[in-house]
Amino acid sequence: MSFSNATETDIANKIFTAVALPEDAATIIDIHLHTDNPDEAGISTTYEANYGSYAFQEVARTTAGWTVTGAVTTNDGTISFPTCSGSTNAITYVSLCWHGSTKIIVSGALNGGGVSVSTGIQPQFAPNALSITLD
């Protein structure tokens, strides 16, 4: 996964100029699905999934929502999106955003080329399926 340009700037400001992260108080991270790469300059609505009933999902910004082991962070529970009620999408990317914001923290391609979503399909990430590595 890759940090967005906006997040890279926030982190650099935090490290080198002691400016607090704008989202330090955020308690939720929003998970968005994308049909193409939102890229480091994109926002959560860039190529966002739009199948029938789609909605981004929320994960608490806690040790119950995420596990950090060294430089790797993974989701603790299953993240289930609404079941597709119509239309189709080829979901190839995922992004994590600050709750209530379109600002992407990090985004990346799905393993295996993604998933095809059509009526009756419910996209989801099993525990530990989302893996963010700081390197």
C-alpha atoms as a PDB file:
ATOM      1  CA  MET A   1       0.000   0.000   0.000  1.00  0.00           C
ATOM      2  CA  SER A   2       1.098   3.530  -0.657  1.00  0.00           C
ATOM      3  CA  PHE A   3       0.591   6.649   1.441  1.00  0.00           C
ATOM      4  CA  SER A   4      -1.211   9.521  -0.259  1.00  0.00           C
ATOM      5  CA  ASN A   5       0.694  12.727  -1.011  1.00  0.00           C
ATOM      6  CA  ALA A   6      -1.432  14.560   1.581  1.00  0.00           C
ATOM      7  CA  THR A   7      -0.591  12.017   4.288  1.00  0.00           C
ATOM      8  CA  GLU A   8       3.112  12.089   3.408  1.00  0.00           C
ATOM      9  CA  THR A   9       3.060  15.880   3.881  1.00  0.00           C
ATOM     10  CA  ASP A  10       1.239  15.528   7.219  1.00  0.00           C
ATOM     11  CA  ILE A  11       3.786  12.963   8.457  1.00  0.00           C
ATOM     12  CA  ALA A  12       6.757  15.083   7.353  1.00  0.00           C
ATOM     13  CA  ASN A  13       5.271  18.094   9.154  1.00  0.00           C
ATOM     14  CA  LYS A  14       4.758  15.991  12.295  1.00  0.00           C
ATOM     15  CA  ILE A  15       8.324  14.673  12.284  1.00  0.00           C
ATOM     16  CA  PHE A  16      10.264  17.745  11.226  1.00  0.00           C
ATOM     17  CA  THR A  17       8.213  20.735  12.375  1.00  0.00           C
ATOM     18  CA  ALA A  18       6.256  19.262  15.326  1.00  0.00           C
ATOM     19  CA  VAL A  19       2.896  20.064  13.733  1.00  0.00           C
ATOM     20  CA  ALA A  20       0.134  17.785  15.069  1.00  0.00           C
ATOM     21  CA  LEU A  21      -1.546  15.518  12.575  1.00  0.00           C
ATOM     22  CA  PRO A  22      -4.853  17.111  11.543  1.00  0.00           C
ATOM     23  CA  GLU A  23      -6.687  13.850  12.235  1.00  0.00           C
ATOM     24  CA  ASP A  24      -5.079  12.907  15.574  1.00  0.00           C
ATOM     25  CA  ALA A  25      -8.507  12.971  17.251  1.00  0.00           C
ATOM     26  CA  ALA A  26     -10.202  10.755  14.638  1.00  0.00           C
ATOM     27  CA  THR A  27     -11.531   7.530  16.185  1.00  0.00           C
ATOM     28  CA  ILE A  28     -12.660   5.783  12.975  1.00  0.00           C
ATOM     29  CA  ILE A  29     -11.018   4.863   9.685  1.00  0.00           C
ATOM     30  CA  ASP A  30     -13.246   4.551   6.610  1.00  0.00           C
ATOM     31  CA  ILE A  31     -12.509   1.703   4.169  1.00  0.00           C
ATOM     32  CA  HIS A  32     -13.349   2.451   0.501  1.00  0.00           C
ATOM     33  CA  LEU A  33     -13.361   0.163  -2.541  1.00  0.00           C
ATOM     34  CA  HIS A  34     -12.173   1.396  -5.949  1.00  0.00           C
ATOM     35  CA  THR A  35     -12.478   0.238  -9.558  1.00  0.00           C
ATOM     36  CA  ASP A  36      -9.060   1.702 -10.460  1.00  0.00           C
ATOM     37  CA  ASN A  37      -6.034   3.187  -8.727  1.00  0.00           C
ATOM     38  CA  PRO A  38      -6.998   6.364  -6.843  1.00  0.00           C
ATOM     39  CA  ASP A  39      -3.263   7.158  -6.939  1.00  0.00           C
ATOM     40  CA  GLU A  40      -1.319   9.145  -4.365  1.00  0.00           C
ATOM     41  CA  ALA A  41      -2.985  12.404  -5.455  1.00  0.00           C
ATOM     42  CA  GLY A  42      -6.524  10.969  -5.393  1.00  0.00           C
ATOM     43  CA  ILE A  43      -9.298  11.190  -2.833  1.00  0.00           C
ATOM     44  CA  SER A  44     -11.749   8.587  -1.557  1.00  0.00           C
ATOM     45  CA  THR A  45     -14.253   9.285  -4.341  1.00  0.00           C
ATOM     46  CA  THR A  46     -11.664   8.792  -7.125  1.00  0.00           C
ATOM     47  CA  TYR A  47     -12.792   5.641  -8.963  1.00  0.00           C
ATOM     48  CA  GLU A  48     -14.882   4.677  -5.920  1.00  0.00           C
ATOM     49  CA  ALA A  49     -17.088   1.599  -6.316  1.00  0.00           C
ATOM     50  CA  ASN A  50     -20.677   2.376  -7.286  1.00  0.00           C
ATOM     51  CA  TYR A  51     -22.482  -0.953  -7.428  1.00  0.00           C
ATOM     52  CA  GLY A  52     -26.051  -1.037  -6.089  1.00  0.00           C
ATOM     53  CA  SER A  53     -26.078  -0.717  -2.261  1.00  0.00           C
ATOM     54  CA  TYR A  54     -22.335   0.056  -2.030  1.00  0.00           C
ATOM     55  CA  ALA A  55     -21.232   2.007   1.017  1.00  0.00           C
ATOM     56  CA  PHE A  56     -17.771   2.447   2.527  1.00  0.00           C
ATOM     57  CA  GLN A  57     -17.221   0.717   5.861  1.00  0.00           C
ATOM     58  CA  GLU A  58     -15.907   1.998   9.190  1.00  0.00           C
ATOM     59  CA  VAL A  59     -13.320   0.408  11.474  1.00  0.00           C
ATOM     60  CA  ALA A  60     -12.511   1.726  14.928  1.00  0.00           C
ATOM     61  CA  ARG A  61      -9.071   3.209  15.332  1.00  0.00           C
ATOM     62  CA  THR A  62      -8.270   0.977  18.320  1.00  0.00           C
ATOM     63  CA  THR A  63      -6.392  -2.181  19.219  1.00  0.00           C
ATOM     64  CA  ALA A  64      -9.715  -4.016  18.729  1.00  0.00           C
ATOM     65  CA  GLY A  65      -9.854  -2.791  15.119  1.00  0.00           C
ATOM     66  CA  TRP A  66      -6.202  -3.140  14.137  1.00  0.00           C
ATOM     67  CA  THR A  67      -3.080  -5.028  15.177  1.00  0.00           C
ATOM     68  CA  VAL A  68       0.349  -3.447  14.789  1.00  0.00           C
ATOM     69  CA  THR A  69       3.281  -5.865  14.738  1.00  0.00           C
ATOM     70  CA  GLY A  70       6.569  -4.158  13.985  1.00  0.00           C
ATOM     71  CA  ALA A  71       6.066  -2.247  10.738  1.00  0.00           C
ATOM     72  CA  VAL A  72       2.937  -4.194   9.698  1.00  0.00           C
ATOM     73  CA  THR A  73      -0.664  -3.262  10.546  1.00  0.00           C
ATOM     74  CA  THR A  74      -3.591  -5.627   9.849  1.00  0.00           C
ATOM     75  CA  ASN A  75      -7.348  -5.542  10.391  1.00  0.00           C
ATOM     76  CA  ASP A  76      -8.568  -7.581  13.372  1.00  0.00           C
ATOM     77  CA  GLY A  77     -12.116  -8.393  12.291  1.00  0.00           C
ATOM     78  CA  THR A  78     -13.980  -9.128   9.085  1.00  0.00           C
ATOM     79  CA  ILE A  79     -14.799  -5.973   7.120  1.00  0.00           C
ATOM     80  CA  SER A  80     -18.023  -6.645   5.192  1.00  0.00           C
ATOM     81  CA  PHE A  81     -19.429  -4.320   2.543  1.00  0.00           C
ATOM     82  CA  PRO A  82     -23.099  -4.316   1.525  1.00  0.00           C
ATOM     83  CA  THR A  83     -24.234  -7.084  -0.806  1.00  0.00           C
ATOM     84  CA  CYS A  84     -24.531  -5.879  -4.386  1.00  0.00           C
ATOM     85  CA  SER A  85     -28.176  -5.199  -5.256  1.00  0.00           C
ATOM     86  CA  GLY A  86     -27.545  -4.361  -8.895  1.00  0.00           C
ATOM     87  CA  SER A  87     -25.004  -3.244 -11.477  1.00  0.00           C
ATOM     88  CA  THR A  88     -21.440  -4.570 -11.510  1.00  0.00           C
ATOM     89  CA  ASN A  89     -17.977  -3.394 -10.516  1.00  0.00           C
ATOM     90  CA  ALA A  90     -14.502  -4.822 -10.906  1.00  0.00           C
ATOM     91  CA  ILE A  91     -12.980  -3.880  -7.551  1.00  0.00           C
ATOM     92  CA  THR A  92      -9.198  -3.624  -7.864  1.00  0.00           C
ATOM     93  CA  TYR A  93      -8.082  -1.167  -5.148  1.00  0.00           C
ATOM     94  CA  VAL A  94      -8.827  -0.302  -1.538  1.00  0.00           C
ATOM     95  CA  SER A  95      -8.174   2.897   0.388  1.00  0.00           C
ATOM     96  CA  LEU A  96      -8.229   3.841   4.052  1.00  0.00           C
ATOM     97  CA  CYS A  97      -9.407   7.354   4.872  1.00  0.00           C
ATOM     98  CA  TRP A  98      -9.971   9.507   7.892  1.00  0.00           C
ATOM     99  CA  HIS A  99     -13.609   9.247   8.990  1.00  0.00           C
ATOM    100  CA  GLY A 100     -15.791  11.887   7.399  1.00  0.00           C
ATOM    101  CA  SER A 101     -13.016  12.994   5.061  1.00  0.00           C
ATOM    102  CA  THR A 102     -12.164  12.243   1.446  1.00  0.00           C
ATOM    103  CA  LYS A 103      -8.447  12.376   2.353  1.00  0.00           C
ATOM    104  CA  ILE A 104      -6.784   9.023   1.678  1.00  0.00           C
ATOM    105  CA  ILE A 105      -4.306   7.816   4.282  1.00  0.00           C
ATOM    106  CA  VAL A 106      -3.085   4.832   2.296  1.00  0.00           C
ATOM    107  CA  SER A 107      -4.270   2.854  -0.741  1.00  0.00           C
ATOM    108  CA  GLY A 108      -3.223  -0.247  -2.618  1.00  0.00           C
ATOM    109  CA  ALA A 109      -4.104  -2.881  -5.181  1.00  0.00           C
ATOM    110  CA  LEU A 110      -6.009  -5.984  -4.139  1.00  0.00           C
ATOM    111  CA  ASN A 111      -4.157  -9.285  -4.381  1.00  0.00           C
ATOM    112  CA  GLY A 112      -5.094 -11.587  -7.228  1.00  0.00           C
ATOM    113  CA  GLY A 113      -6.278  -8.764  -9.482  1.00  0.00           C
ATOM    114  CA  GLY A 114      -9.311  -7.893  -7.389  1.00  0.00           C
ATOM    115  CA  VAL A 115     -12.878  -9.124  -7.280  1.00  0.00           C
ATOM    116  CA  SER A 116     -15.800  -8.900  -9.682  1.00  0.00           C
ATOM    117  CA  VAL A 117     -18.921  -7.686  -7.892  1.00  0.00           C
ATOM    118  CA  SER A 118     -22.391  -8.329  -9.300  1.00  0.00           C
ATOM    119  CA  THR A 119     -25.873  -8.879  -7.874  1.00  0.00           C
ATOM    120  CA  GLY A 120     -25.732 -11.069  -4.764  1.00  0.00           C
ATOM    121  CA  ILE A 121     -21.972 -10.706  -4.198  1.00  0.00           C
ATOM    122  CA  GLN A 122     -20.798  -9.262  -0.863  1.00  0.00           C
ATOM    123  CA  PRO A 123     -17.201  -8.004  -0.877  1.00  0.00           C
ATOM    124  CA  GLN A 124     -15.348  -8.479   2.384  1.00  0.00           C
ATOM    125  CA  PHE A 125     -11.912  -8.630   3.940  1.00  0.00           C
ATOM    126  CA  ALA A 126     -11.260 -11.484   6.350  1.00  0.00           C
ATOM    127  CA  PRO A 127      -9.295 -10.752   9.527  1.00  0.00           C
ATOM    128  CA  ASN A 128      -5.670  -9.927   8.660  1.00  0.00           C
ATOM    129  CA  ALA A 129      -6.506  -9.561   4.940  1.00  0.00           C
ATOM    130  CA  LEU A 130      -5.682  -5.850   4.872  1.00  0.00           C
ATOM    131  CA  SER A 131      -1.969  -5.459   5.477  1.00  0.00           C
ATOM    132  CA  ILE A 132      -0.251  -2.077   5.622  1.00  0.00           C
ATOM    133  CA  THR A 133       3.540  -2.112   5.825  1.00  0.00           C
ATOM    134  CA  LEU A 134       5.661   0.879   6.793  1.00  0.00           C
ATOM    135  CA  ASP A 135       8.996   0.412   5.118  1.00  0.00           C
END
